[in-house]
Amino acid sequence: MVAKRNPLKLNALQLKTLTLLQALSSLDDGADVPETDRLIPMLPSPHGNHFHVGQYVVSGGDATGLHNPAVWAALTRKGLVVGVPPANASLTPAGIAYETGLSEKILHSHDH
């Protein structure tokens, strides 16, 4: 049976935010093994109309959910994030493994 795309019915802003949180949480160890909660590090500061997440550059417009309490509440309610966002939050194994389908669309390689 084929896995259902977006089974938790996250909206577009929630999907973008989860994609960014997945990228941020993988910066420390690079591991993609969703076994335990993974701490979400300090949120990056934008400069101009973008900000950097490791090797990627992200448009500021794709990151508006990072500072939106309703998005954090939805991700917490759906079991993808635990803790007090954003300072003391972690992605759950479900949040780490959730396939958003947006990585290639919003995480762009940079050369500066």
PDB file of N, CA and C in Angstrom:
ATOM      1  N   MET A   1       0.832  -1.181   0.000  1.00  0.00           N
ATOM      2  CA  MET A   1       0.000   0.000   0.000  1.00  0.00           C
ATOM      3  C   MET A   1       0.880   1.250   0.000  1.00  0.00           C
ATOM      4  N   VAL A   2       0.527   2.221  -0.785  1.00  0.00           N
ATOM      5  CA  VAL A   2       1.288   3.456  -0.904  1.00  0.00           C
ATOM      6  C   VAL A   2       0.982   4.353   0.298  1.00  0.00           C
ATOM      7  N   ALA A   3       2.040   4.945   0.860  1.00  0.00           N
ATOM      8  CA  ALA A   3       1.854   5.844   1.993  1.00  0.00           C
ATOM      9  C   ALA A   3       1.099   7.095   1.544  1.00  0.00           C
ATOM     10  N   LYS A   4       0.181   7.544   2.372  1.00  0.00           N
ATOM     11  CA  LYS A   4      -0.615   8.725   2.066  1.00  0.00           C
ATOM     12  C   LYS A   4       0.246   9.975   2.196  1.00  0.00           C
ATOM     13  N   ARG A   5       0.186  10.836   1.202  1.00  0.00           N
ATOM     14  CA  ARG A   5       0.933  12.083   1.237  1.00  0.00           C
ATOM     15  C   ARG A   5       0.257  13.040   2.221  1.00  0.00           C
ATOM     16  N   ASN A   6       1.034  13.600   3.132  1.00  0.00           N
ATOM     17  CA  ASN A   6       0.567  14.542   4.130  1.00  0.00           C
ATOM     18  C   ASN A   6      -0.581  13.961   4.970  1.00  0.00           C
ATOM     19  N   PRO A   7      -0.351  12.830   5.634  1.00  0.00           N
ATOM     20  CA  PRO A   7      -1.419  12.168   6.382  1.00  0.00           C
ATOM     21  C   PRO A   7      -1.980  12.987   7.542  1.00  0.00           C
ATOM     22  N   LEU A   8      -1.194  13.930   8.089  1.00  0.00           N
ATOM     23  CA  LEU A   8      -1.691  14.757   9.183  1.00  0.00           C
ATOM     24  C   LEU A   8      -2.396  16.019   8.690  1.00  0.00           C
ATOM     25  N   LYS A   9      -2.486  16.151   7.375  1.00  0.00           N
ATOM     26  CA  LYS A   9      -3.175  17.295   6.765  1.00  0.00           C
ATOM     27  C   LYS A   9      -2.611  18.641   7.237  1.00  0.00           C
ATOM     28  N   LEU A  10      -1.288  18.743   7.237  1.00  0.00           N
ATOM     29  CA  LEU A  10      -0.648  20.015   7.570  1.00  0.00           C
ATOM     30  C   LEU A  10      -0.917  21.005   6.445  1.00  0.00           C
ATOM     31  N   ASN A  11      -1.108  22.269   6.795  1.00  0.00           N
ATOM     32  CA  ASN A  11      -1.288  23.274   5.750  1.00  0.00           C
ATOM     33  C   ASN A  11       0.076  23.669   5.188  1.00  0.00           C
ATOM     34  N   ALA A  12       0.080  24.500   4.167  1.00  0.00           N
ATOM     35  CA  ALA A  12       1.326  24.853   3.470  1.00  0.00           C
ATOM     36  C   ALA A  12       2.345  25.499   4.408  1.00  0.00           C
ATOM     37  N   LEU A  13       1.894  26.405   5.271  1.00  0.00           N
ATOM     38  CA  LEU A  13       2.812  27.071   6.193  1.00  0.00           C
ATOM     39  C   LEU A  13       3.390  26.089   7.207  1.00  0.00           C
ATOM     40  N   GLN A  14       2.573  25.180   7.694  1.00  0.00           N
ATOM     41  CA  GLN A  14       3.049  24.159   8.631  1.00  0.00           C
ATOM     42  C   GLN A  14       4.056  23.232   7.954  1.00  0.00           C
ATOM     43  N   LEU A  15       3.808  22.848   6.711  1.00  0.00           N
ATOM     44  CA  LEU A  15       4.740  21.991   5.968  1.00  0.00           C
ATOM     45  C   LEU A  15       6.079  22.687   5.750  1.00  0.00           C
ATOM     46  N   LYS A  16       6.049  23.955   5.358  1.00  0.00           N
ATOM     47  CA  LYS A  16       7.299  24.708   5.157  1.00  0.00           C
ATOM     48  C   LYS A  16       8.071  24.803   6.466  1.00  0.00           C
ATOM     49  N   THR A  17       7.364  25.113   7.539  1.00  0.00           N
ATOM     50  CA  THR A  17       8.026  25.263   8.830  1.00  0.00           C
ATOM     51  C   THR A  17       8.628  23.943   9.289  1.00  0.00           C
ATOM     52  N   LEU A  18       7.899  22.865   9.137  1.00  0.00           N
ATOM     53  CA  LEU A  18       8.428  21.553   9.517  1.00  0.00           C
ATOM     54  C   LEU A  18       9.660  21.206   8.680  1.00  0.00           C
ATOM     55  N   THR A  19       9.647  21.510   7.404  1.00  0.00           N
ATOM     56  CA  THR A  19      10.809  21.268   6.540  1.00  0.00           C
ATOM     57  C   THR A  19      12.026  22.009   7.072  1.00  0.00           C
ATOM     58  N   LEU A  20      11.845  23.266   7.464  1.00  0.00           N
ATOM     59  CA  LEU A  20      12.957  24.054   7.995  1.00  0.00           C
ATOM     60  C   LEU A  20      13.430  23.513   9.343  1.00  0.00           C
ATOM     61  N   LEU A  21      12.499  23.104  10.184  1.00  0.00           N
ATOM     62  CA  LEU A  21      12.880  22.542  11.478  1.00  0.00           C
ATOM     63  C   LEU A  21      13.644  21.240  11.307  1.00  0.00           C
ATOM     64  N   GLN A  22      13.259  20.430  10.344  1.00  0.00           N
ATOM     65  CA  GLN A  22      13.990  19.192  10.056  1.00  0.00           C
ATOM     66  C   GLN A  22      15.418  19.517   9.631  1.00  0.00           C
ATOM     67  N   ALA A  23      15.577  20.519   8.779  1.00  0.00           N
ATOM     68  CA  ALA A  23      16.920  20.906   8.322  1.00  0.00           C
ATOM     69  C   ALA A  23      17.733  21.463   9.481  1.00  0.00           C
ATOM     70  N   LEU A  24      17.132  22.322  10.289  1.00  0.00           N
ATOM     71  CA  LEU A  24      17.842  22.899  11.428  1.00  0.00           C
ATOM     72  C   LEU A  24      18.257  21.831  12.436  1.00  0.00           C
ATOM     73  N   SER A  25      17.383  20.886  12.700  1.00  0.00           N
ATOM     74  CA  SER A  25      17.675  19.879  13.722  1.00  0.00           C
ATOM     75  C   SER A  25      18.731  18.879  13.269  1.00  0.00           C
ATOM     76  N   SER A  26      18.973  18.795  11.984  1.00  0.00           N
ATOM     77  CA  SER A  26      19.980  17.852  11.495  1.00  0.00           C
ATOM     78  C   SER A  26      21.358  18.484  11.363  1.00  0.00           C
ATOM     79  N   LEU A  27      21.501  19.763  11.686  1.00  0.00           N
ATOM     80  CA  LEU A  27      22.787  20.446  11.538  1.00  0.00           C
ATOM     81  C   LEU A  27      23.859  19.901  12.470  1.00  0.00           C
ATOM     82  N   ASP A  28      23.508  19.589  13.707  1.00  0.00           N
ATOM     83  CA  ASP A  28      24.508  19.177  14.690  1.00  0.00           C
ATOM     84  C   ASP A  28      25.156  17.843  14.377  1.00  0.00           C
ATOM     85  N   ASP A  29      24.340  16.835  14.099  1.00  0.00           N
ATOM     86  CA  ASP A  29      24.915  15.508  13.930  1.00  0.00           C
ATOM     87  C   ASP A  29      24.769  14.956  12.519  1.00  0.00           C
ATOM     88  N   GLY A  30      23.944  15.589  11.699  1.00  0.00           N
ATOM     89  CA  GLY A  30      23.776  15.118  10.337  1.00  0.00           C
ATOM     90  C   GLY A  30      23.039  13.805  10.218  1.00  0.00           C
ATOM     91  N   ALA A  31      22.623  13.229  11.334  1.00  0.00           N
ATOM     92  CA  ALA A  31      21.956  11.930  11.297  1.00  0.00           C
ATOM     93  C   ALA A  31      20.522  12.071  10.818  1.00  0.00           C
ATOM     94  N   ASP A  32      20.092  11.130  10.025  1.00  0.00           N
ATOM     95  CA  ASP A  32      18.720  11.109   9.550  1.00  0.00           C
ATOM     96  C   ASP A  32      17.943   9.969  10.184  1.00  0.00           C
ATOM     97  N   VAL A  33      18.438   9.450  11.310  1.00  0.00           N
ATOM     98  CA  VAL A  33      17.787   8.324  11.965  1.00  0.00           C
ATOM     99  C   VAL A  33      16.789   8.860  12.986  1.00  0.00           C
ATOM    100  N   PRO A  34      15.498   8.678  12.736  1.00  0.00           N
ATOM    101  CA  PRO A  34      14.476   9.233  13.638  1.00  0.00           C
ATOM    102  C   PRO A  34      14.202   8.344  14.844  1.00  0.00           C
ATOM    103  N   GLU A  35      15.169   8.229  15.771  1.00  0.00           N
ATOM    104  CA  GLU A  35      15.012   7.339  16.923  1.00  0.00           C
ATOM    105  C   GLU A  35      14.582   8.077  18.184  1.00  0.00           C
ATOM    106  N   THR A  36      15.069   9.284  18.378  1.00  0.00           N
ATOM    107  CA  THR A  36      14.757  10.040  19.582  1.00  0.00           C
ATOM    108  C   THR A  36      14.418  11.476  19.199  1.00  0.00           C
ATOM    109  N   ASP A  37      13.891  12.222  20.167  1.00  0.00           N
ATOM    110  CA  ASP A  37      13.637  13.635  19.923  1.00  0.00           C
ATOM    111  C   ASP A  37      14.956  14.319  19.575  1.00  0.00           C
ATOM    112  N   ARG A  38      14.884  15.282  18.680  1.00  0.00           N
ATOM    113  CA  ARG A  38      16.085  16.001  18.261  1.00  0.00           C
ATOM    114  C   ARG A  38      15.883  17.484  18.532  1.00  0.00           C
ATOM    115  N   LEU A  39      16.764  18.077  19.338  1.00  0.00           N
ATOM    116  CA  LEU A  39      16.682  19.473  19.719  1.00  0.00           C
ATOM    117  C   LEU A  39      16.719  20.378  18.493  1.00  0.00           C
ATOM    118  N   ILE A  40      15.861  21.372  18.506  1.00  0.00           N
ATOM    119  CA  ILE A  40      15.865  22.383  17.446  1.00  0.00           C
ATOM    120  C   ILE A  40      16.779  23.501  17.928  1.00  0.00           C
ATOM    121  N   PRO A  41      17.881  23.760  17.214  1.00  0.00           N
ATOM    122  CA  PRO A  41      18.817  24.792  17.665  1.00  0.00           C
ATOM    123  C   PRO A  41      18.221  26.193  17.500  1.00  0.00           C
ATOM    124  N   MET A  42      18.969  27.175  17.912  1.00  0.00           N
ATOM    125  CA  MET A  42      18.550  28.565  17.790  1.00  0.00           C
ATOM    126  C   MET A  42      18.115  28.859  16.353  1.00  0.00           C
ATOM    127  N   LEU A  43      17.017  29.563  16.226  1.00  0.00           N
ATOM    128  CA  LEU A  43      16.526  29.908  14.891  1.00  0.00           C
ATOM    129  C   LEU A  43      17.468  30.923  14.254  1.00  0.00           C
ATOM    130  N   PRO A  44      17.742  30.770  12.964  1.00  0.00           N
ATOM    131  CA  PRO A  44      18.683  31.664  12.295  1.00  0.00           C
ATOM    132  C   PRO A  44      18.120  33.072  12.136  1.00  0.00           C
ATOM    133  N   SER A  45      19.016  34.033  12.081  1.00  0.00           N
ATOM    134  CA  SER A  45      18.618  35.418  11.838  1.00  0.00           C
ATOM    135  C   SER A  45      18.692  35.702  10.349  1.00  0.00           C
ATOM    136  N   PRO A  46      17.629  36.263   9.789  1.00  0.00           N
ATOM    137  CA  PRO A  46      17.671  36.583   8.361  1.00  0.00           C
ATOM    138  C   PRO A  46      18.577  37.780   8.095  1.00  0.00           C
ATOM    139  N   HIS A  47      19.131  37.820   6.911  1.00  0.00           N
ATOM    140  CA  HIS A  47      19.808  39.022   6.447  1.00  0.00           C
ATOM    141  C   HIS A  47      19.315  39.267   5.026  1.00  0.00           C
ATOM    142  N   GLY A  48      18.804  40.460   4.831  1.00  0.00           N
ATOM    143  CA  GLY A  48      18.143  40.741   3.558  1.00  0.00           C
ATOM    144  C   GLY A  48      16.850  39.945   3.490  1.00  0.00           C
ATOM    145  N   ASN A  49      16.649  39.285   2.377  1.00  0.00           N
ATOM    146  CA  ASN A  49      15.407  38.526   2.171  1.00  0.00           C
ATOM    147  C   ASN A  49      15.620  37.022   2.317  1.00  0.00           C
ATOM    148  N   HIS A  50      16.715  36.617   2.980  1.00  0.00           N
ATOM    149  CA  HIS A  50      16.999  35.191   3.122  1.00  0.00           C
ATOM    150  C   HIS A  50      17.791  34.925   4.397  1.00  0.00           C
ATOM    151  N   PHE A  51      17.976  33.657   4.708  1.00  0.00           N
ATOM    152  CA  PHE A  51      18.848  33.265   5.802  1.00  0.00           C
ATOM    153  C   PHE A  51      19.469  31.919   5.455  1.00  0.00           C
ATOM    154  N   HIS A  52      20.470  31.534   6.217  1.00  0.00           N
ATOM    155  CA  HIS A  52      21.208  30.315   5.943  1.00  0.00           C
ATOM    156  C   HIS A  52      20.869  29.226   6.958  1.00  0.00           C
ATOM    157  N   VAL A  53      20.734  28.019   6.447  1.00  0.00           N
ATOM    158  CA  VAL A  53      20.535  26.823   7.268  1.00  0.00           C
ATOM    159  C   VAL A  53      21.584  25.830   6.790  1.00  0.00           C
ATOM    160  N   GLY A  54      22.707  25.785   7.497  1.00  0.00           N
ATOM    161  CA  GLY A  54      23.791  24.905   7.067  1.00  0.00           C
ATOM    162  C   GLY A  54      24.234  25.260   5.657  1.00  0.00           C
ATOM    163  N   GLN A  55      24.182  24.288   4.777  1.00  0.00           N
ATOM    164  CA  GLN A  55      24.623  24.491   3.394  1.00  0.00           C
ATOM    165  C   GLN A  55      23.542  25.097   2.509  1.00  0.00           C
ATOM    166  N   TYR A  56      22.401  25.402   3.068  1.00  0.00           N
ATOM    167  CA  TYR A  56      21.272  25.898   2.286  1.00  0.00           C
ATOM    168  C   TYR A  56      20.988  27.366   2.557  1.00  0.00           C
ATOM    169  N   VAL A  57      20.360  27.993   1.576  1.00  0.00           N
ATOM    170  CA  VAL A  57      19.826  29.334   1.742  1.00  0.00           C
ATOM    171  C   VAL A  57      18.312  29.222   1.577  1.00  0.00           C
ATOM    172  N   VAL A  58      17.592  29.955   2.412  1.00  0.00           N
ATOM    173  CA  VAL A  58      16.137  29.866   2.440  1.00  0.00           C
ATOM    174  C   VAL A  58      15.566  31.270   2.311  1.00  0.00           C
ATOM    175  N   SER A  59      14.564  31.416   1.475  1.00  0.00           N
ATOM    176  CA  SER A  59      13.864  32.685   1.325  1.00  0.00           C
ATOM    177  C   SER A  59      13.146  33.023   2.618  1.00  0.00           C
ATOM    178  N   GLY A  60      13.209  34.289   3.001  1.00  0.00           N
ATOM    179  CA  GLY A  60      12.502  34.722   4.199  1.00  0.00           C
ATOM    180  C   GLY A  60      11.008  34.446   4.114  1.00  0.00           C
ATOM    181  N   GLY A  61      10.455  34.500   2.915  1.00  0.00           N
ATOM    182  CA  GLY A  61       9.033  34.229   2.731  1.00  0.00           C
ATOM    183  C   GLY A  61       8.648  32.798   3.036  1.00  0.00           C
ATOM    184  N   ASP A  62       9.591  31.883   2.941  1.00  0.00           N
ATOM    185  CA  ASP A  62       9.318  30.480   3.251  1.00  0.00           C
ATOM    186  C   ASP A  62       9.460  30.183   4.740  1.00  0.00           C
ATOM    187  N   ALA A  63       9.881  31.177   5.517  1.00  0.00           N
ATOM    188  CA  ALA A  63      10.174  30.941   6.926  1.00  0.00           C
ATOM    189  C   ALA A  63       9.258  31.690   7.876  1.00  0.00           C
ATOM    190  N   THR A  64       8.171  32.229   7.387  1.00  0.00           N
ATOM    191  CA  THR A  64       7.301  33.032   8.255  1.00  0.00           C
ATOM    192  C   THR A  64       6.696  32.211   9.388  1.00  0.00           C
ATOM    193  N   GLY A  65       6.554  30.925   9.225  1.00  0.00           N
ATOM    194  CA  GLY A  65       5.989  30.077  10.264  1.00  0.00           C
ATOM    195  C   GLY A  65       6.893  29.865  11.462  1.00  0.00           C
ATOM    196  N   LEU A  66       8.192  30.137  11.306  1.00  0.00           N
ATOM    197  CA  LEU A  66       9.119  29.935  12.424  1.00  0.00           C
ATOM    198  C   LEU A  66       8.788  30.829  13.616  1.00  0.00           C
ATOM    199  N   HIS A  67       8.147  31.961  13.364  1.00  0.00           N
ATOM    200  CA  HIS A  67       7.818  32.899  14.437  1.00  0.00           C
ATOM    201  C   HIS A  67       6.310  33.045  14.607  1.00  0.00           C
ATOM    202  N   ASN A  68       5.569  32.040  14.167  1.00  0.00           N
ATOM    203  CA  ASN A  68       4.111  32.068  14.237  1.00  0.00           C
ATOM    204  C   ASN A  68       3.643  31.076  15.313  1.00  0.00           C
ATOM    205  N   PRO A  69       3.117  31.575  16.422  1.00  0.00           N
ATOM    206  CA  PRO A  69       2.693  30.678  17.506  1.00  0.00           C
ATOM    207  C   PRO A  69       1.641  29.653  17.079  1.00  0.00           C
ATOM    208  N   ALA A  70       0.770  30.008  16.152  1.00  0.00           N
ATOM    209  CA  ALA A  70      -0.267  29.070  15.710  1.00  0.00           C
ATOM    210  C   ALA A  70       0.345  27.877  14.982  1.00  0.00           C
ATOM    211  N   VAL A  71       1.407  28.116  14.223  1.00  0.00           N
ATOM    212  CA  VAL A  71       2.090  27.022  13.519  1.00  0.00           C
ATOM    213  C   VAL A  71       2.738  26.086  14.540  1.00  0.00           C
ATOM    214  N   TRP A  72       3.438  26.653  15.528  1.00  0.00           N
ATOM    215  CA  TRP A  72       4.067  25.839  16.568  1.00  0.00           C
ATOM    216  C   TRP A  72       3.020  25.037  17.328  1.00  0.00           C
ATOM    217  N   ALA A  73       1.879  25.659  17.614  1.00  0.00           N
ATOM    218  CA  ALA A  73       0.808  24.964  18.332  1.00  0.00           C
ATOM    219  C   ALA A  73       0.286  23.785  17.521  1.00  0.00           C
ATOM    220  N   ALA A  74       0.112  23.978  16.225  1.00  0.00           N
ATOM    221  CA  ALA A  74      -0.388  22.896  15.369  1.00  0.00           C
ATOM    222  C   ALA A  74       0.623  21.755  15.298  1.00  0.00           C
ATOM    223  N   LEU A  75       1.904  22.086  15.128  1.00  0.00           N
ATOM    224  CA  LEU A  75       2.929  21.046  15.045  1.00  0.00           C
ATOM    225  C   LEU A  75       3.037  20.285  16.373  1.00  0.00           C
ATOM    226  N   THR A  76       2.856  20.989  17.487  1.00  0.00           N
ATOM    227  CA  THR A  76       2.874  20.341  18.796  1.00  0.00           C
ATOM    228  C   THR A  76       1.649  19.449  18.965  1.00  0.00           C
ATOM    229  N   ARG A  77       0.482  19.975  18.618  1.00  0.00           N
ATOM    230  CA  ARG A  77      -0.772  19.223  18.748  1.00  0.00           C
ATOM    231  C   ARG A  77      -0.749  17.939  17.927  1.00  0.00           C
ATOM    232  N   LYS A  78      -0.073  17.973  16.783  1.00  0.00           N
ATOM    233  CA  LYS A  78      -0.022  16.806  15.896  1.00  0.00           C
ATOM    234  C   LYS A  78       1.129  15.861  16.237  1.00  0.00           C
ATOM    235  N   GLY A  79       1.853  16.175  17.328  1.00  0.00           N
ATOM    236  CA  GLY A  79       2.891  15.275  17.821  1.00  0.00           C
ATOM    237  C   GLY A  79       4.207  15.346  17.078  1.00  0.00           C
ATOM    238  N   LEU A  80       4.462  16.445  16.367  1.00  0.00           N
ATOM    239  CA  LEU A  80       5.689  16.575  15.592  1.00  0.00           C
ATOM    240  C   LEU A  80       6.760  17.358  16.335  1.00  0.00           C
ATOM    241  N   VAL A  81       6.342  18.166  17.294  1.00  0.00           N
ATOM    242  CA  VAL A  81       7.245  18.995  18.096  1.00  0.00           C
ATOM    243  C   VAL A  81       6.835  18.850  19.548  1.00  0.00           C
ATOM    244  N   VAL A  82       7.816  18.843  20.455  1.00  0.00           N
ATOM    245  CA  VAL A  82       7.549  18.864  21.894  1.00  0.00           C
ATOM    246  C   VAL A  82       8.368  19.979  22.524  1.00  0.00           C
ATOM    247  N   GLY A  83       7.970  20.403  23.709  1.00  0.00           N
ATOM    248  CA  GLY A  83       8.706  21.443  24.410  1.00  0.00           C
ATOM    249  C   GLY A  83       8.069  22.805  24.200  1.00  0.00           C
ATOM    250  N   VAL A  84       8.780  23.822  24.645  1.00  0.00           N
ATOM    251  CA  VAL A  84       8.305  25.196  24.537  1.00  0.00           C
ATOM    252  C   VAL A  84       9.024  25.854  23.376  1.00  0.00           C
ATOM    253  N   PRO A  85       8.332  26.019  22.260  1.00  0.00           N
ATOM    254  CA  PRO A  85       8.990  26.589  21.087  1.00  0.00           C
ATOM    255  C   PRO A  85       9.209  28.081  21.228  1.00  0.00           C
ATOM    256  N   PRO A  86      10.174  28.622  20.530  1.00  0.00           N
ATOM    257  CA  PRO A  86      11.191  27.895  19.791  1.00  0.00           C
ATOM    258  C   PRO A  86      12.438  27.591  20.609  1.00  0.00           C
ATOM    259  N   ALA A  87      12.604  28.226  21.786  1.00  0.00           N
ATOM    260  CA  ALA A  87      13.866  28.110  22.515  1.00  0.00           C
ATOM    261  C   ALA A  87      14.149  26.717  23.048  1.00  0.00           C
ATOM    262  N   ASN A  88      13.162  26.010  23.543  1.00  0.00           N
ATOM    263  CA  ASN A  88      13.382  24.706  24.158  1.00  0.00           C
ATOM    264  C   ASN A  88      12.530  23.638  23.489  1.00  0.00           C
ATOM    265  N   ALA A  89      12.491  23.636  22.197  1.00  0.00           N
ATOM    266  CA  ALA A  89      11.652  22.681  21.472  1.00  0.00           C
ATOM    267  C   ALA A  89      12.512  21.626  20.795  1.00  0.00           C
ATOM    268  N   SER A  90      11.897  20.473  20.583  1.00  0.00           N
ATOM    269  CA  SER A  90      12.551  19.367  19.888  1.00  0.00           C
ATOM    270  C   SER A  90      11.581  18.767  18.888  1.00  0.00           C
ATOM    271  N   LEU A  91      12.127  18.250  17.803  1.00  0.00           N
ATOM    272  CA  LEU A  91      11.328  17.459  16.876  1.00  0.00           C
ATOM    273  C   LEU A  91      11.207  16.058  17.438  1.00  0.00           C
ATOM    274  N   THR A  92      10.037  15.502  17.370  1.00  0.00           N
ATOM    275  CA  THR A  92       9.831  14.112  17.788  1.00  0.00           C
ATOM    276  C   THR A  92      10.285  13.195  16.652  1.00  0.00           C
ATOM    277  N   PRO A  93      10.419  11.910  16.907  1.00  0.00           N
ATOM    278  CA  PRO A  93      10.727  10.995  15.806  1.00  0.00           C
ATOM    279  C   PRO A  93       9.718  11.115  14.656  1.00  0.00           C
ATOM    280  N   ALA A  94       8.453  11.347  14.988  1.00  0.00           N
ATOM    281  CA  ALA A  94       7.442  11.525  13.937  1.00  0.00           C
ATOM    282  C   ALA A  94       7.720  12.793  13.127  1.00  0.00           C
ATOM    283  N   GLY A  95       8.160  13.846  13.812  1.00  0.00           N
ATOM    284  CA  GLY A  95       8.487  15.098  13.125  1.00  0.00           C
ATOM    285  C   GLY A  95       9.724  14.973  12.256  1.00  0.00           C
ATOM    286  N   ILE A  96      10.688  14.205  12.717  1.00  0.00           N
ATOM    287  CA  ILE A  96      11.911  13.988  11.940  1.00  0.00           C
ATOM    288  C   ILE A  96      11.594  13.194  10.675  1.00  0.00           C
ATOM    289  N   ALA A  97      10.752  12.189  10.808  1.00  0.00           N
ATOM    290  CA  ALA A  97      10.477  11.272   9.699  1.00  0.00           C
ATOM    291  C   ALA A  97       9.381  11.755   8.747  1.00  0.00           C
ATOM    292  N   TYR A  98       8.613  12.769   9.130  1.00  0.00           N
ATOM    293  CA  TYR A  98       7.472  13.201   8.317  1.00  0.00           C
ATOM    294  C   TYR A  98       7.965  13.719   6.966  1.00  0.00           C
ATOM    295  N   GLU A  99       7.430  13.193   5.900  1.00  0.00           N
ATOM    296  CA  GLU A  99       7.829  13.595   4.550  1.00  0.00           C
ATOM    297  C   GLU A  99       6.983  14.787   4.113  1.00  0.00           C
ATOM    298  N   THR A 100       7.621  15.956   4.057  1.00  0.00           N
ATOM    299  CA  THR A 100       6.897  17.162   3.669  1.00  0.00           C
ATOM    300  C   THR A 100       6.846  17.344   2.156  1.00  0.00           C
ATOM    301  N   GLY A 101       7.837  16.798   1.464  1.00  0.00           N
ATOM    302  CA  GLY A 101       7.899  16.965   0.015  1.00  0.00           C
ATOM    303  C   GLY A 101       8.373  18.340  -0.424  1.00  0.00           C
ATOM    304  N   LEU A 102       8.890  19.150   0.515  1.00  0.00           N
ATOM    305  CA  LEU A 102       9.264  20.523   0.171  1.00  0.00           C
ATOM    306  C   LEU A 102      10.759  20.810   0.231  1.00  0.00           C
ATOM    307  N   SER A 103      11.560  19.868   0.675  1.00  0.00           N
ATOM    308  CA  SER A 103      12.995  20.140   0.843  1.00  0.00           C
ATOM    309  C   SER A 103      13.630  20.719  -0.409  1.00  0.00           C
ATOM    310  N   GLU A 104      13.382  20.112  -1.538  1.00  0.00           N
ATOM    311  CA  GLU A 104      14.000  20.576  -2.780  1.00  0.00           C
ATOM    312  C   GLU A 104      13.429  21.904  -3.254  1.00  0.00           C
ATOM    313  N   LYS A 105      12.253  22.255  -2.771  1.00  0.00           N
ATOM    314  CA  LYS A 105      11.614  23.496  -3.205  1.00  0.00           C
ATOM    315  C   LYS A 105      12.023  24.704  -2.379  1.00  0.00           C
ATOM    316  N   ILE A 106      12.332  24.510  -1.095  1.00  0.00           N
ATOM    317  CA  ILE A 106      12.636  25.677  -0.267  1.00  0.00           C
ATOM    318  C   ILE A 106      14.060  25.707   0.289  1.00  0.00           C
ATOM    319  N   LEU A 107      14.772  24.584   0.230  1.00  0.00           N
ATOM    320  CA  LEU A 107      16.173  24.557   0.672  1.00  0.00           C
ATOM    321  C   LEU A 107      17.071  24.605  -0.557  1.00  0.00           C
ATOM    322  N   HIS A 108      17.687  25.755  -0.794  1.00  0.00           N
ATOM    323  CA  HIS A 108      18.495  25.959  -1.999  1.00  0.00           C
ATOM    324  C   HIS A 108      19.988  25.980  -1.645  1.00  0.00           C
ATOM    325  N   SER A 109      20.800  25.327  -2.450  1.00  0.00           N
ATOM    326  CA  SER A 109      22.248  25.374  -2.242  1.00  0.00           C
ATOM    327  C   SER A 109      22.729  26.795  -2.481  1.00  0.00           C
ATOM    328  N   HIS A 110      23.745  27.209  -1.728  1.00  0.00           N
ATOM    329  CA  HIS A 110      24.273  28.560  -1.917  1.00  0.00           C
ATOM    330  C   HIS A 110      25.752  28.507  -2.214  1.00  0.00           C
ATOM    331  N   ASP A 111      26.253  29.604  -2.746  1.00  0.00           N
ATOM    332  CA  ASP A 111      27.661  29.653  -3.100  1.00  0.00           C
ATOM    333  C   ASP A 111      28.375  30.870  -2.514  1.00  0.00           C
ATOM    334  N   HIS A 112      27.833  31.415  -1.430  1.00  0.00           N
ATOM    335  CA  HIS A 112      28.536  32.539  -0.777  1.00  0.00           C
ATOM    336  C   HIS A 112      28.590  32.360   0.710  1.00  0.00           C
TER     337      HIS A 112
END
